[in-house]
Amino acid sequence: MESASGGEQPERLAKTLKARWVWAIALGSAVGWGAFILPTDWLAIGGPVGALSGFMIGGALMILIAVSYGFLIKSFPVSGGELAFALVGFGRTHAFFCGWYLTLGYTCIVALNASAMALLFRKLMPDVVQQGYLYTVAGWDVYIVEVAISLTVLIVFALLNIRGTALSGRIQFIACVIMLIAVACILVGVLASPQAVLSNATPAFPAEVNPVAAIAAIVAIAPWAFIGFDNVPQAAEEFDFPPAKAMRLIVLALLAAALLYCAMIAAVAFSAPWELGKWDFGLG
């Protein structure tokens, strides 16, 4: 594309992302499968109070990063996210390393989330999934059906993103609403159950573990649990609203994510004696 003066103008991405979709993208990225699979492990590490406190503190720390992203998006509402910020702030060399490290990080996250779907199917339909043994890694048997499930998930979501951010943003928003409703139903159902008693959530911390150490151990895990909301700056050029609004959207998404994690931890802690929960759920 050439301007009237004959110079080339950079191509611009279509502004198709609505505010609620960006909020959903941040929330959906910050909440992973661990929220539904790992509460028993987190309880074993920090106990009910330690796990809840750790995730609230971790969420608060992530909000500090979200505020930083918000200021950067307001100043540089372009695609590229951290790559663009590094280029503007430090030059091409830093941007080069930033870009490749981002590629490595997101490649690992994609593989992790694709395998999570296979893990879900293994729990729901073990006889169907555990067929066609391939190899064993770190004591974990891998089957061809699991690989096929993971590849199918990757292809489906790749096609959704190729179709454009408008479609993926809309689907993400619907999925997040369903997730929030499901978590609310789980929590209400557990609290309404006659088996959910306060004594199930005692003791507050694991035996013979310093409360500060228990909370600190969960805070150390929290960044991994919340990771993903950093993809919002990469789509800043596609916002159909003022970039300054992005900060509030990311912060609200992180608050919702922290509450969701805490809701799942509380539901597990109250549903049965938490000290036995790890073994009762078969995750020991």
Protein backbone atom coordinates (compact mmCIF):
# COMPACT_ATOMS: atom_id res chain seq x y z
CA MET A 1 0.00 0.00 0.00
CA GLU A 2 1.41 3.39 -0.97
CA SER A 3 0.57 6.81 0.43
CA ALA A 4 0.01 9.97 -1.62
CA SER A 5 3.65 10.87 -1.15
CA GLY A 6 4.72 7.56 -2.65
CA GLY A 7 5.96 5.99 0.59
CA GLU A 8 4.86 2.58 1.70
CA GLN A 9 2.40 2.37 4.59
CA PRO A 10 2.40 -0.65 6.91
CA GLU A 11 -0.61 -2.93 6.74
CA ARG A 12 -3.01 -2.60 9.65
CA LEU A 13 -5.00 -5.39 11.23
CA ALA A 14 -8.78 -5.10 11.28
CA LYS A 15 -10.19 -3.82 14.56
CA THR A 16 -12.58 -6.68 15.32
CA LEU A 17 -11.95 -7.54 18.98
CA LYS A 18 -14.69 -6.32 21.31
CA ALA A 19 -13.95 -5.52 24.95
CA ARG A 20 -15.80 -8.53 26.36
CA TRP A 21 -13.91 -10.82 24.00
CA VAL A 22 -10.56 -9.44 25.16
CA TRP A 23 -11.63 -9.99 28.78
CA ALA A 24 -12.56 -13.56 27.93
CA ILE A 25 -9.26 -14.15 26.13
CA ALA A 26 -7.34 -12.97 29.20
CA LEU A 27 -9.49 -15.05 31.57
CA GLY A 28 -9.45 -18.16 29.42
CA SER A 29 -5.69 -17.92 29.05
CA ALA A 30 -5.12 -17.40 32.79
CA VAL A 31 -7.26 -20.38 33.85
CA GLY A 32 -5.87 -23.71 32.75
CA TRP A 33 -6.79 -27.33 33.26
CA GLY A 34 -4.87 -27.26 36.54
CA ALA A 35 -7.78 -25.43 38.17
CA PHE A 36 -9.85 -28.61 37.82
CA ILE A 37 -7.17 -31.30 38.14
CA LEU A 38 -4.67 -30.02 40.71
CA PRO A 39 -6.62 -28.59 43.73
CA THR A 40 -5.92 -31.80 45.68
CA ASP A 41 -2.18 -31.37 45.10
CA TRP A 42 -2.31 -27.70 46.09
CA LEU A 43 -4.17 -28.61 49.26
CA ALA A 44 -1.51 -31.18 50.09
CA ILE A 45 1.16 -28.48 49.72
CA GLY A 46 -0.49 -25.54 51.49
CA GLY A 47 -3.68 -26.75 53.14
CA PRO A 48 -7.01 -24.93 52.62
CA VAL A 49 -5.95 -21.59 54.08
CA GLY A 50 -2.47 -21.78 52.56
CA ALA A 51 -3.79 -22.61 49.09
CA LEU A 52 -6.48 -19.93 49.15
CA SER A 53 -4.13 -17.29 50.53
CA GLY A 54 -1.38 -18.25 48.11
CA PHE A 55 -3.60 -17.91 45.06
CA MET A 56 -5.02 -14.59 46.18
CA ILE A 57 -1.50 -13.24 46.78
CA GLY A 58 -0.37 -14.70 43.47
CA GLY A 59 -3.29 -13.06 41.70
CA ALA A 60 -2.39 -9.71 43.27
CA LEU A 61 1.19 -10.06 42.04
CA MET A 62 -0.05 -10.86 38.54
CA ILE A 63 -2.20 -7.72 38.63
CA LEU A 64 0.99 -5.67 39.02
CA ILE A 65 2.19 -7.17 35.74
CA ALA A 66 -1.23 -6.54 34.19
CA VAL A 67 -0.98 -2.84 35.10
CA SER A 68 2.42 -2.70 33.41
CA TYR A 69 0.96 -4.29 30.30
CA GLY A 70 -1.89 -1.79 30.43
CA PHE A 71 0.46 1.17 30.32
CA LEU A 72 2.44 -0.36 27.46
CA ILE A 73 -0.70 -1.13 25.44
CA LYS A 74 -1.90 2.45 25.92
CA SER A 75 1.44 3.80 24.67
CA PHE A 76 2.02 1.24 21.89
CA PRO A 77 -1.32 -0.20 20.65
CA VAL A 78 0.28 -2.39 17.98
CA SER A 79 0.49 -6.10 17.32
CA GLY A 80 3.52 -7.96 18.60
CA GLY A 81 3.19 -7.56 22.35
CA GLU A 82 6.47 -8.00 24.20
CA LEU A 83 8.38 -8.20 20.92
CA ALA A 84 7.17 -4.73 19.92
CA PHE A 85 7.81 -3.34 23.39
CA ALA A 86 11.37 -4.71 23.43
CA LEU A 87 12.02 -3.32 19.95
CA VAL A 88 10.86 0.18 20.91
CA GLY A 89 12.56 0.19 24.30
CA PHE A 90 15.83 -1.64 23.71
CA GLY A 91 16.37 -2.16 19.99
CA ARG A 92 16.57 -5.03 17.53
CA THR A 93 19.00 -7.27 19.44
CA HIS A 94 16.86 -7.45 22.57
CA ALA A 95 13.73 -7.84 20.44
CA PHE A 96 15.36 -10.75 18.59
CA PHE A 97 16.04 -12.69 21.79
CA CYS A 98 12.65 -11.72 23.22
CA GLY A 99 10.88 -13.05 20.14
CA TRP A 100 12.65 -16.41 20.17
CA TYR A 101 12.12 -16.92 23.89
CA LEU A 102 8.44 -16.12 23.40
CA THR A 103 8.32 -18.70 20.61
CA LEU A 104 9.89 -21.31 22.88
CA GLY A 105 7.55 -20.46 25.75
CA TYR A 106 4.37 -20.58 23.69
CA THR A 107 5.44 -23.80 21.98
CA CYS A 108 5.69 -25.43 25.41
CA ILE A 109 2.33 -24.02 26.50
CA VAL A 110 0.62 -25.27 23.32
CA ALA A 111 2.00 -28.77 23.88
CA LEU A 112 0.95 -28.68 27.54
CA ASN A 113 -2.63 -27.67 26.81
CA ALA A 114 -3.00 -30.13 23.94
CA SER A 115 -1.90 -32.98 26.21
CA ALA A 116 -4.37 -31.77 28.86
CA MET A 117 -7.27 -32.69 26.58
CA ALA A 118 -5.82 -36.18 26.18
CA LEU A 119 -5.52 -36.42 29.97
CA LEU A 120 -9.18 -35.46 30.33
CA PHE A 121 -10.27 -38.19 27.94
CA ARG A 122 -8.03 -40.68 29.74
CA LYS A 123 -9.92 -39.94 32.97
CA LEU A 124 -13.35 -40.08 31.29
CA MET A 125 -12.80 -43.03 28.92
CA PRO A 126 -9.65 -44.89 29.98
CA ASP A 127 -10.51 -48.10 28.09
CA VAL A 128 -10.97 -46.20 24.83
CA VAL A 129 -7.99 -43.87 25.14
CA GLN A 130 -5.40 -46.34 26.40
CA GLN A 131 -5.03 -48.25 23.16
CA GLY A 132 -2.09 -48.43 20.75
CA TYR A 133 0.83 -48.22 23.18
CA LEU A 134 3.74 -46.21 21.76
CA TYR A 135 6.33 -45.53 24.47
CA THR A 136 6.86 -44.54 28.11
CA VAL A 137 8.21 -41.18 29.29
CA ALA A 138 9.09 -40.64 32.97
CA GLY A 139 6.88 -43.58 33.91
CA TRP A 140 3.91 -42.30 31.84
CA ASP A 141 2.62 -44.57 29.08
CA VAL A 142 1.72 -42.79 25.85
CA TYR A 143 -0.88 -44.22 23.45
CA ILE A 144 -1.65 -43.49 19.80
CA VAL A 145 -5.25 -42.54 20.65
CA GLU A 146 -3.99 -39.85 23.03
CA VAL A 147 -1.69 -38.47 20.36
CA ALA A 148 -4.59 -38.41 17.88
CA ILE A 149 -6.75 -36.48 20.36
CA SER A 150 -4.02 -33.90 20.97
CA LEU A 151 -3.36 -33.43 17.25
CA THR A 152 -7.08 -33.03 16.55
CA VAL A 153 -7.38 -30.35 19.22
CA LEU A 154 -4.37 -28.47 17.82
CA ILE A 155 -5.77 -28.58 14.28
CA VAL A 156 -9.25 -27.44 15.34
CA PHE A 157 -7.98 -24.45 17.29
CA ALA A 158 -5.47 -23.57 14.58
CA LEU A 159 -8.32 -23.43 12.05
CA LEU A 160 -10.39 -21.27 14.41
CA ASN A 161 -7.55 -18.78 14.74
CA ILE A 162 -6.86 -18.80 11.01
CA ARG A 163 -10.48 -17.78 10.44
CA GLY A 164 -9.76 -14.59 12.39
CA THR A 165 -9.86 -13.10 15.86
CA ALA A 166 -13.54 -12.23 15.65
CA LEU A 167 -14.56 -15.89 15.56
CA SER A 168 -12.02 -17.04 18.14
CA GLY A 169 -12.88 -14.13 20.44
CA ARG A 170 -16.59 -14.90 20.28
CA ILE A 171 -16.01 -18.60 20.99
CA GLN A 172 -13.66 -17.76 23.85
CA PHE A 173 -16.29 -15.51 25.44
CA ILE A 174 -18.97 -18.21 25.22
CA ALA A 175 -16.58 -20.81 26.64
CA CYS A 176 -15.64 -18.54 29.56
CA VAL A 177 -19.27 -17.88 30.45
CA ILE A 178 -19.95 -21.62 30.43
CA MET A 179 -16.86 -22.21 32.59
CA LEU A 180 -17.89 -19.61 35.18
CA ILE A 181 -21.41 -21.03 35.38
CA ALA A 182 -20.03 -24.56 35.75
CA VAL A 183 -17.65 -23.56 38.56
CA ALA A 184 -20.44 -21.68 40.35
CA CYS A 185 -22.68 -24.77 40.11
CA ILE A 186 -19.88 -26.98 41.47
CA LEU A 187 -19.27 -24.69 44.44
CA VAL A 188 -22.97 -24.26 45.24
CA GLY A 189 -23.56 -28.00 44.86
CA VAL A 190 -20.71 -28.84 47.24
CA LEU A 191 -21.78 -26.29 49.86
CA ALA A 192 -25.38 -27.51 49.66
CA SER A 193 -24.36 -31.13 50.15
CA PRO A 194 -24.90 -32.56 53.66
CA GLN A 195 -21.43 -34.10 53.42
CA ALA A 196 -19.79 -30.67 53.09
CA VAL A 197 -18.93 -29.71 56.66
CA LEU A 198 -16.44 -27.21 58.04
CA SER A 199 -14.41 -29.96 59.67
CA ASN A 200 -13.44 -31.25 56.22
CA ALA A 201 -11.35 -28.10 55.71
CA THR A 202 -9.35 -28.57 58.90
CA PRO A 203 -6.54 -28.31 59.73
CA ALA A 204 -5.92 -25.03 57.93
CA PHE A 205 -2.33 -25.98 57.04
CA PRO A 206 -0.52 -29.29 56.56
CA ALA A 207 0.76 -30.83 59.75
CA GLU A 208 4.29 -29.87 60.77
CA VAL A 209 4.51 -27.20 58.06
CA ASN A 210 5.08 -23.55 58.92
CA PRO A 211 2.05 -21.51 57.72
CA VAL A 212 4.29 -18.91 56.08
CA ALA A 213 6.18 -21.63 54.23
CA ALA A 214 2.92 -23.25 53.13
CA ILE A 215 1.60 -19.97 51.71
CA ALA A 216 4.95 -19.16 50.07
CA ALA A 217 4.98 -22.56 48.34
CA ILE A 218 1.61 -21.81 46.73
CA VAL A 219 2.65 -18.26 45.79
CA ALA A 220 5.62 -19.80 43.96
CA ILE A 221 3.20 -21.96 41.93
CA ALA A 222 0.74 -19.16 41.19
CA PRO A 223 2.60 -17.53 38.25
CA TRP A 224 2.46 -20.84 36.38
CA ALA A 225 -1.26 -21.10 37.11
CA PHE A 226 -2.04 -17.57 35.87
CA ILE A 227 0.25 -17.54 32.85
CA GLY A 228 -1.36 -16.78 29.50
CA PHE A 229 -3.00 -13.37 29.95
CA ASP A 230 0.12 -11.85 28.41
CA ASN A 231 -1.29 -12.69 24.97
CA VAL A 232 -3.64 -9.70 25.20
CA PRO A 233 -0.97 -7.10 24.27
CA GLN A 234 -0.18 -9.08 21.14
CA ALA A 235 -3.65 -8.33 19.79
CA ALA A 236 -3.73 -4.65 20.80
CA GLU A 237 -3.88 -3.48 17.20
CA GLU A 238 -7.16 -5.37 16.73
CA PHE A 239 -9.07 -3.74 19.62
CA ASP A 240 -12.24 -1.96 18.53
CA PHE A 241 -12.15 0.13 21.74
CA PRO A 242 -9.67 2.63 23.23
CA PRO A 243 -6.39 0.86 24.17
CA ALA A 244 -6.45 2.51 27.59
CA LYS A 245 -9.38 0.25 28.49
CA ALA A 246 -7.21 -2.88 28.18
CA MET A 247 -5.68 -2.44 31.63
CA ARG A 248 -9.06 -2.67 33.34
CA LEU A 249 -10.07 -5.68 31.25
CA ILE A 250 -6.91 -7.63 32.12
CA VAL A 251 -7.19 -6.76 35.83
CA LEU A 252 -10.85 -7.86 35.91
CA ALA A 253 -9.92 -11.08 34.13
CA LEU A 254 -7.20 -11.84 36.69
CA LEU A 255 -9.58 -11.14 39.57
CA ALA A 256 -12.09 -13.54 38.03
CA ALA A 257 -9.32 -16.13 37.54
CA ALA A 258 -8.18 -15.85 41.17
CA LEU A 259 -11.76 -16.28 42.40
CA LEU A 260 -12.24 -19.26 40.11
CA TYR A 261 -9.10 -20.98 41.39
CA CYS A 262 -10.17 -20.30 44.97
CA ALA A 263 -13.67 -21.58 44.29
CA MET A 264 -12.33 -24.91 43.00
CA ILE A 265 -9.93 -25.23 45.94
CA ALA A 266 -12.74 -24.48 48.40
CA ALA A 267 -15.08 -26.95 46.70
CA VAL A 268 -12.51 -29.74 47.01
CA ALA A 269 -11.56 -28.81 50.58
CA PHE A 270 -15.18 -28.85 51.81
CA SER A 271 -16.35 -31.90 49.85
CA ALA A 272 -14.24 -34.38 51.84
CA PRO A 273 -11.44 -34.36 54.44
CA TRP A 274 -8.74 -32.62 52.43
CA GLU A 275 -5.86 -34.56 53.97
CA LEU A 276 -7.28 -37.70 52.35
CA GLY A 277 -8.51 -36.02 49.18
CA LYS A 278 -5.31 -36.55 47.21
CA TRP A 279 -5.66 -40.30 47.53
CA ASP A 280 -9.42 -40.41 47.18
CA PHE A 281 -9.21 -38.72 43.76
CA GLY A 282 -6.50 -41.07 42.57
CA LEU A 283 -3.89 -38.35 42.13
CA GLY A 284 -1.45 -39.55 44.73
